Amino acid sequence: MAKDVEDPAANYAGTLLEAVTKDQLNTGLTGQIRFRVSEANLYAYLFGIKQPIVHVMAYFVSVLRQKIASFEAKPLVPVVAEGSLATGTPVADIIRISINDLRKNLRDLNDYMDQECVARPPGMASCSMRR
């Protein structure tokens, strides 16, 4: 998914795609993009876009980076008897945005990407990211 057809040297020669998390940490992404062209939009895919592969990949990377930049893990379940920490902050209100949370919730991230990519770019019926 890091391959840039227009600039082969970009993204560490197509080996690593960078994204920034909500807490301003850089993370490197590797994986695959799988997509299929919708028969209903085949003409638009083949003749409506100069470089359809570039278009599909750019769309996917844009959606992925946006999701990572705004990602928040599900709230913690209260574990303290009163449901709050020593500071008085309810445990369920703590926002978790670490890179480990991204790893733990990779299935949710994949599901989100599947939803966002269904028939969005011209000619693309679906796409998904696999680690």
N, C-alpha and C. Protein backbone atom coordinates (compact mmCIF):
# COMPACT_ATOMS: atom_id res chain seq x y z
N MET A 1 0.81 -1.19 0.00
CA MET A 1 0.00 0.00 0.00
C MET A 1 0.85 1.26 0.00
N ALA A 2 2.14 1.14 0.20
CA ALA A 2 3.02 2.30 0.22
C ALA A 2 3.58 2.64 -1.15
N LYS A 3 3.36 1.80 -2.12
CA LYS A 3 3.91 2.03 -3.46
C LYS A 3 3.27 3.26 -4.09
N ASP A 4 4.09 4.15 -4.59
CA ASP A 4 3.63 5.35 -5.28
C ASP A 4 4.00 5.21 -6.75
N VAL A 5 3.01 5.02 -7.59
CA VAL A 5 3.24 4.79 -9.01
C VAL A 5 3.88 6.01 -9.67
N GLU A 6 3.53 7.19 -9.19
CA GLU A 6 4.06 8.42 -9.78
C GLU A 6 5.48 8.74 -9.33
N ASP A 7 5.87 8.29 -8.14
CA ASP A 7 7.20 8.56 -7.61
C ASP A 7 7.71 7.30 -6.90
N PRO A 8 8.45 6.45 -7.62
CA PRO A 8 8.91 5.18 -7.03
C PRO A 8 9.79 5.34 -5.80
N ALA A 9 10.43 6.49 -5.60
CA ALA A 9 11.29 6.70 -4.44
C ALA A 9 10.51 7.10 -3.19
N ALA A 10 9.25 7.48 -3.36
CA ALA A 10 8.44 7.93 -2.22
C ALA A 10 8.14 6.78 -1.27
N ASN A 11 7.84 7.13 -0.04
CA ASN A 11 7.48 6.15 1.00
C ASN A 11 8.54 5.07 1.17
N TYR A 12 9.77 5.53 1.30
CA TYR A 12 10.89 4.61 1.48
C TYR A 12 10.92 3.56 0.38
N ALA A 13 10.84 4.04 -0.84
CA ALA A 13 10.84 3.19 -2.04
C ALA A 13 9.67 2.21 -2.04
N GLY A 14 8.53 2.67 -1.53
CA GLY A 14 7.32 1.86 -1.56
C GLY A 14 7.24 0.78 -0.50
N THR A 15 8.04 0.90 0.55
CA THR A 15 8.04 -0.15 1.59
C THR A 15 7.30 0.24 2.86
N LEU A 16 7.14 1.56 3.13
CA LEU A 16 6.56 1.99 4.40
C LEU A 16 5.76 3.28 4.20
N LEU A 17 4.53 3.25 4.65
CA LEU A 17 3.66 4.42 4.57
C LEU A 17 3.58 5.02 5.97
N GLU A 18 3.82 6.33 6.07
CA GLU A 18 3.78 6.97 7.38
C GLU A 18 2.43 7.61 7.63
N ALA A 19 2.03 7.62 8.91
CA ALA A 19 0.81 8.29 9.35
C ALA A 19 1.07 8.87 10.73
N VAL A 20 0.29 9.88 11.09
CA VAL A 20 0.45 10.54 12.38
C VAL A 20 -0.80 10.27 13.21
N THR A 21 -0.60 9.82 14.45
CA THR A 21 -1.71 9.52 15.34
C THR A 21 -2.23 10.79 15.99
N LYS A 22 -3.34 10.67 16.68
CA LYS A 22 -3.97 11.82 17.34
C LYS A 22 -3.06 12.46 18.38
N ASP A 23 -2.21 11.67 19.00
CA ASP A 23 -1.28 12.21 19.99
C ASP A 23 0.06 12.59 19.37
N GLN A 24 0.07 12.84 18.07
CA GLN A 24 1.21 13.36 17.32
C GLN A 24 2.42 12.43 17.26
N LEU A 25 2.18 11.13 17.22
CA LEU A 25 3.25 10.16 17.05
C LEU A 25 3.25 9.67 15.61
N ASN A 26 4.43 9.56 15.03
CA ASN A 26 4.54 9.00 13.69
C ASN A 26 4.55 7.48 13.79
N THR A 27 3.83 6.85 12.89
CA THR A 27 3.81 5.40 12.84
C THR A 27 4.00 4.95 11.39
N GLY A 28 4.65 3.83 11.20
CA GLY A 28 4.86 3.28 9.87
C GLY A 28 3.88 2.16 9.60
N LEU A 29 3.33 2.15 8.41
CA LEU A 29 2.32 1.16 8.03
C LEU A 29 2.81 0.33 6.86
N THR A 30 2.56 -0.96 6.95
CA THR A 30 2.80 -1.85 5.82
C THR A 30 1.53 -2.66 5.63
N GLY A 31 1.31 -3.13 4.45
CA GLY A 31 0.13 -3.93 4.20
C GLY A 31 -0.18 -3.98 2.71
N GLN A 32 -1.35 -4.47 2.40
CA GLN A 32 -1.79 -4.62 1.02
C GLN A 32 -3.13 -3.92 0.84
N ILE A 33 -3.35 -3.46 -0.37
CA ILE A 33 -4.66 -2.94 -0.75
C ILE A 33 -5.20 -3.92 -1.78
N ARG A 34 -6.39 -4.41 -1.51
CA ARG A 34 -7.07 -5.27 -2.49
C ARG A 34 -8.34 -4.56 -2.91
N PHE A 35 -8.58 -4.50 -4.20
CA PHE A 35 -9.81 -3.88 -4.66
C PHE A 35 -10.28 -4.58 -5.92
N ARG A 36 -11.55 -4.37 -6.22
CA ARG A 36 -12.10 -4.90 -7.47
C ARG A 36 -12.93 -3.79 -8.11
N VAL A 37 -12.95 -3.80 -9.40
CA VAL A 37 -13.68 -2.78 -10.15
C VAL A 37 -15.14 -3.21 -10.27
N SER A 38 -16.03 -2.29 -9.98
CA SER A 38 -17.45 -2.54 -10.11
C SER A 38 -17.83 -2.59 -11.59
N GLU A 39 -18.57 -3.60 -11.98
CA GLU A 39 -18.99 -3.70 -13.38
C GLU A 39 -19.83 -2.51 -13.80
N ALA A 40 -20.64 -2.00 -12.89
CA ALA A 40 -21.49 -0.85 -13.20
C ALA A 40 -20.68 0.40 -13.50
N ASN A 41 -19.48 0.49 -12.97
CA ASN A 41 -18.64 1.67 -13.16
C ASN A 41 -17.37 1.37 -13.95
N LEU A 42 -17.36 0.28 -14.68
CA LEU A 42 -16.17 -0.12 -15.41
C LEU A 42 -15.75 0.95 -16.42
N TYR A 43 -16.69 1.53 -17.13
CA TYR A 43 -16.36 2.56 -18.12
C TYR A 43 -15.69 3.75 -17.43
N ALA A 44 -16.25 4.21 -16.32
CA ALA A 44 -15.69 5.36 -15.60
C ALA A 44 -14.28 5.02 -15.10
N TYR A 45 -14.08 3.80 -14.65
CA TYR A 45 -12.77 3.39 -14.14
C TYR A 45 -11.74 3.38 -15.27
N LEU A 46 -12.10 2.83 -16.41
CA LEU A 46 -11.15 2.70 -17.51
C LEU A 46 -10.93 4.00 -18.29
N PHE A 47 -12.00 4.79 -18.46
CA PHE A 47 -11.89 5.93 -19.35
C PHE A 47 -12.14 7.28 -18.67
N GLY A 48 -12.64 7.28 -17.47
CA GLY A 48 -12.96 8.54 -16.80
C GLY A 48 -11.82 9.11 -15.97
N ILE A 49 -10.81 8.30 -15.70
CA ILE A 49 -9.69 8.71 -14.86
C ILE A 49 -8.41 8.39 -15.62
N LYS A 50 -7.48 9.35 -15.65
CA LYS A 50 -6.24 9.13 -16.39
C LYS A 50 -5.42 7.98 -15.82
N GLN A 51 -5.28 7.94 -14.50
CA GLN A 51 -4.51 6.88 -13.85
C GLN A 51 -5.35 6.28 -12.72
N PRO A 52 -6.20 5.31 -13.03
CA PRO A 52 -7.13 4.79 -12.04
C PRO A 52 -6.46 4.15 -10.82
N ILE A 53 -5.34 3.48 -11.00
CA ILE A 53 -4.65 2.86 -9.86
C ILE A 53 -4.16 3.93 -8.90
N VAL A 54 -3.60 5.01 -9.43
CA VAL A 54 -3.13 6.12 -8.60
C VAL A 54 -4.30 6.72 -7.83
N HIS A 55 -5.43 6.86 -8.50
CA HIS A 55 -6.63 7.43 -7.88
C HIS A 55 -7.11 6.54 -6.73
N VAL A 56 -7.21 5.26 -6.96
CA VAL A 56 -7.69 4.31 -5.94
C VAL A 56 -6.74 4.30 -4.74
N MET A 57 -5.45 4.22 -4.99
CA MET A 57 -4.48 4.16 -3.91
C MET A 57 -4.47 5.46 -3.10
N ALA A 58 -4.54 6.60 -3.78
CA ALA A 58 -4.53 7.89 -3.09
C ALA A 58 -5.77 8.03 -2.21
N TYR A 59 -6.91 7.60 -2.73
CA TYR A 59 -8.14 7.66 -1.94
C TYR A 59 -8.01 6.80 -0.69
N PHE A 60 -7.55 5.59 -0.87
CA PHE A 60 -7.41 4.66 0.24
C PHE A 60 -6.46 5.20 1.31
N VAL A 61 -5.30 5.68 0.89
CA VAL A 61 -4.31 6.21 1.82
C VAL A 61 -4.86 7.43 2.56
N SER A 62 -5.60 8.26 1.86
CA SER A 62 -6.21 9.43 2.49
C SER A 62 -7.19 9.03 3.59
N VAL A 63 -8.06 8.09 3.30
CA VAL A 63 -9.04 7.61 4.28
C VAL A 63 -8.32 6.94 5.46
N LEU A 64 -7.31 6.16 5.19
CA LEU A 64 -6.57 5.47 6.23
C LEU A 64 -5.86 6.46 7.16
N ARG A 65 -5.16 7.43 6.58
CA ARG A 65 -4.46 8.42 7.40
C ARG A 65 -5.44 9.24 8.24
N GLN A 66 -6.59 9.58 7.68
CA GLN A 66 -7.59 10.34 8.43
C GLN A 66 -8.09 9.54 9.62
N LYS A 67 -8.34 8.26 9.41
CA LYS A 67 -8.84 7.40 10.49
C LYS A 67 -7.79 7.24 11.59
N ILE A 68 -6.54 7.06 11.21
CA ILE A 68 -5.47 6.92 12.20
C ILE A 68 -5.30 8.23 12.98
N ALA A 69 -5.39 9.36 12.28
CA ALA A 69 -5.23 10.65 12.93
C ALA A 69 -6.36 10.95 13.93
N SER A 70 -7.52 10.35 13.73
CA SER A 70 -8.65 10.62 14.62
C SER A 70 -9.02 9.40 15.48
N PHE A 71 -8.20 8.36 15.45
CA PHE A 71 -8.53 7.11 16.14
C PHE A 71 -8.52 7.27 17.65
N GLU A 72 -9.54 6.73 18.29
CA GLU A 72 -9.61 6.63 19.75
C GLU A 72 -10.10 5.22 20.07
N ALA A 73 -9.38 4.56 20.96
CA ALA A 73 -9.80 3.22 21.38
C ALA A 73 -11.08 3.32 22.19
N LYS A 74 -11.76 2.21 22.30
CA LYS A 74 -12.97 2.18 23.11
C LYS A 74 -12.62 2.54 24.55
N PRO A 75 -13.54 3.19 25.27
CA PRO A 75 -13.25 3.60 26.65
C PRO A 75 -12.93 2.40 27.54
N LEU A 76 -12.11 2.66 28.55
CA LEU A 76 -11.77 1.63 29.52
C LEU A 76 -12.98 1.29 30.37
N VAL A 77 -13.08 0.05 30.78
CA VAL A 77 -14.16 -0.38 31.67
C VAL A 77 -13.70 -0.05 33.09
N PRO A 78 -14.58 0.53 33.91
CA PRO A 78 -14.17 0.87 35.27
C PRO A 78 -13.69 -0.36 36.04
N VAL A 79 -12.53 -0.23 36.68
CA VAL A 79 -11.98 -1.33 37.46
C VAL A 79 -11.88 -0.98 38.93
N VAL A 80 -12.00 0.29 39.26
CA VAL A 80 -11.96 0.74 40.65
C VAL A 80 -13.38 0.69 41.19
N ALA A 81 -13.54 0.34 42.43
CA ALA A 81 -14.87 0.17 43.02
C ALA A 81 -15.76 1.40 42.82
N GLU A 82 -15.21 2.59 43.01
CA GLU A 82 -16.01 3.80 42.84
C GLU A 82 -16.11 4.22 41.38
N GLY A 83 -15.36 3.57 40.51
CA GLY A 83 -15.38 3.91 39.08
C GLY A 83 -14.55 5.13 38.75
N SER A 84 -13.60 5.50 39.59
CA SER A 84 -12.76 6.64 39.29
C SER A 84 -11.35 6.40 39.77
N LEU A 85 -10.44 7.15 39.20
CA LEU A 85 -9.04 7.06 39.59
C LEU A 85 -8.79 7.97 40.79
N ALA A 86 -7.58 7.99 41.28
CA ALA A 86 -7.23 8.83 42.42
C ALA A 86 -7.45 10.32 42.11
N THR A 87 -7.36 10.70 40.83
CA THR A 87 -7.55 12.10 40.46
C THR A 87 -9.01 12.49 40.39
N GLY A 88 -9.89 11.51 40.47
CA GLY A 88 -11.32 11.80 40.40
C GLY A 88 -11.87 11.70 38.98
N THR A 89 -11.04 11.38 38.00
CA THR A 89 -11.49 11.24 36.62
C THR A 89 -12.12 9.87 36.44
N PRO A 90 -13.36 9.80 35.97
CA PRO A 90 -13.96 8.49 35.73
C PRO A 90 -13.12 7.69 34.73
N VAL A 91 -12.91 6.42 35.02
CA VAL A 91 -12.07 5.57 34.17
C VAL A 91 -12.63 5.50 32.76
N ALA A 92 -13.95 5.46 32.61
CA ALA A 92 -14.56 5.34 31.29
C ALA A 92 -14.35 6.59 30.43
N ASP A 93 -13.95 7.73 31.04
CA ASP A 93 -13.73 8.96 30.28
C ASP A 93 -12.31 9.11 29.76
N ILE A 94 -11.42 8.21 30.11
CA ILE A 94 -10.03 8.31 29.66
C ILE A 94 -9.96 7.91 28.19
N ILE A 95 -9.36 8.78 27.39
CA ILE A 95 -9.22 8.51 25.95
C ILE A 95 -7.90 7.80 25.72
N ARG A 96 -7.97 6.68 25.01
CA ARG A 96 -6.77 5.90 24.72
C ARG A 96 -6.45 6.04 23.25
N ILE A 97 -5.24 6.52 22.94
CA ILE A 97 -4.87 6.74 21.54
C ILE A 97 -3.46 6.27 21.24
N SER A 98 -2.95 5.30 21.96
CA SER A 98 -1.58 4.86 21.75
C SER A 98 -1.49 3.98 20.50
N ILE A 99 -0.27 3.80 20.05
CA ILE A 99 -0.02 2.94 18.89
C ILE A 99 -0.42 1.50 19.23
N ASN A 100 -0.21 1.08 20.47
CA ASN A 100 -0.63 -0.26 20.87
C ASN A 100 -2.14 -0.41 20.74
N ASP A 101 -2.90 0.66 21.03
CA ASP A 101 -4.35 0.61 20.86
C ASP A 101 -4.71 0.43 19.39
N LEU A 102 -3.94 1.06 18.50
CA LEU A 102 -4.16 0.85 17.07
C LEU A 102 -3.94 -0.62 16.71
N ARG A 103 -2.87 -1.20 17.22
CA ARG A 103 -2.58 -2.61 16.94
C ARG A 103 -3.67 -3.53 17.48
N LYS A 104 -4.11 -3.25 18.70
CA LYS A 104 -5.14 -4.08 19.33
C LYS A 104 -6.47 -3.99 18.59
N ASN A 105 -6.72 -2.86 17.97
CA ASN A 105 -8.00 -2.63 17.29
C ASN A 105 -7.87 -2.67 15.78
N LEU A 106 -6.93 -3.44 15.28
CA LEU A 106 -6.71 -3.52 13.83
C LEU A 106 -7.96 -4.04 13.11
N ARG A 107 -8.67 -4.96 13.72
CA ARG A 107 -9.91 -5.48 13.11
C ARG A 107 -10.92 -4.35 12.92
N ASP A 108 -11.08 -3.48 13.93
CA ASP A 108 -11.99 -2.34 13.82
C ASP A 108 -11.54 -1.39 12.72
N LEU A 109 -10.23 -1.19 12.61
CA LEU A 109 -9.69 -0.32 11.56
C LEU A 109 -9.97 -0.90 10.18
N ASN A 110 -9.77 -2.21 10.03
CA ASN A 110 -10.07 -2.87 8.76
C ASN A 110 -11.56 -2.77 8.42
N ASP A 111 -12.42 -2.98 9.41
CA ASP A 111 -13.86 -2.88 9.18
C ASP A 111 -14.25 -1.47 8.75
N TYR A 112 -13.64 -0.45 9.39
CA TYR A 112 -13.92 0.93 9.02
C TYR A 112 -13.50 1.19 7.57
N MET A 113 -12.32 0.69 7.20
CA MET A 113 -11.83 0.90 5.83
C MET A 113 -12.75 0.21 4.83
N ASP A 114 -13.24 -0.97 5.16
CA ASP A 114 -14.18 -1.66 4.28
C ASP A 114 -15.44 -0.83 4.08
N GLN A 115 -15.97 -0.26 5.16
CA GLN A 115 -17.18 0.56 5.06
C GLN A 115 -16.94 1.81 4.23
N GLU A 116 -15.82 2.48 4.45
CA GLU A 116 -15.53 3.73 3.76
C GLU A 116 -15.25 3.53 2.27
N CYS A 117 -14.74 2.38 1.91
CA CYS A 117 -14.33 2.17 0.53
C CYS A 117 -15.40 1.55 -0.36
N VAL A 118 -16.51 1.14 0.20
CA VAL A 118 -17.55 0.51 -0.60
C VAL A 118 -18.09 1.52 -1.62
N ALA A 119 -17.77 1.27 -2.88
CA ALA A 119 -18.28 2.06 -4.01
C ALA A 119 -18.02 3.56 -3.88
N ARG A 120 -16.94 3.99 -3.23
CA ARG A 120 -16.65 5.42 -3.12
C ARG A 120 -15.95 5.96 -4.37
N PRO A 121 -14.70 5.57 -4.65
CA PRO A 121 -14.07 6.10 -5.85
C PRO A 121 -14.74 5.53 -7.09
N PRO A 122 -14.75 6.27 -8.19
CA PRO A 122 -15.38 5.76 -9.42
C PRO A 122 -14.83 4.40 -9.81
N GLY A 123 -15.71 3.47 -10.00
CA GLY A 123 -15.34 2.16 -10.48
C GLY A 123 -14.89 1.18 -9.43
N MET A 124 -14.71 1.61 -8.21
CA MET A 124 -14.22 0.70 -7.19
C MET A 124 -15.39 0.17 -6.37
N ALA A 125 -15.59 -1.13 -6.38
CA ALA A 125 -16.70 -1.72 -5.63
C ALA A 125 -16.34 -1.88 -4.17
N SER A 126 -15.14 -2.32 -3.89
CA SER A 126 -14.73 -2.47 -2.50
C SER A 126 -13.23 -2.54 -2.43
N CYS A 127 -12.71 -2.24 -1.27
CA CYS A 127 -11.28 -2.39 -1.04
C CYS A 127 -11.10 -2.75 0.42
N SER A 128 -10.00 -3.34 0.74
CA SER A 128 -9.74 -3.66 2.14
C SER A 128 -8.24 -3.67 2.38
N MET A 129 -7.90 -3.48 3.64
CA MET A 129 -6.50 -3.47 4.03
C MET A 129 -6.24 -4.72 4.86
N ARG A 130 -5.19 -5.38 4.56
CA ARG A 130 -4.79 -6.53 5.36
C ARG A 130 -3.35 -6.33 5.78
N ARG A 131 -3.10 -6.62 7.03
CA ARG A 131 -1.78 -6.43 7.60
C ARG A 131 -0.80 -7.43 7.09
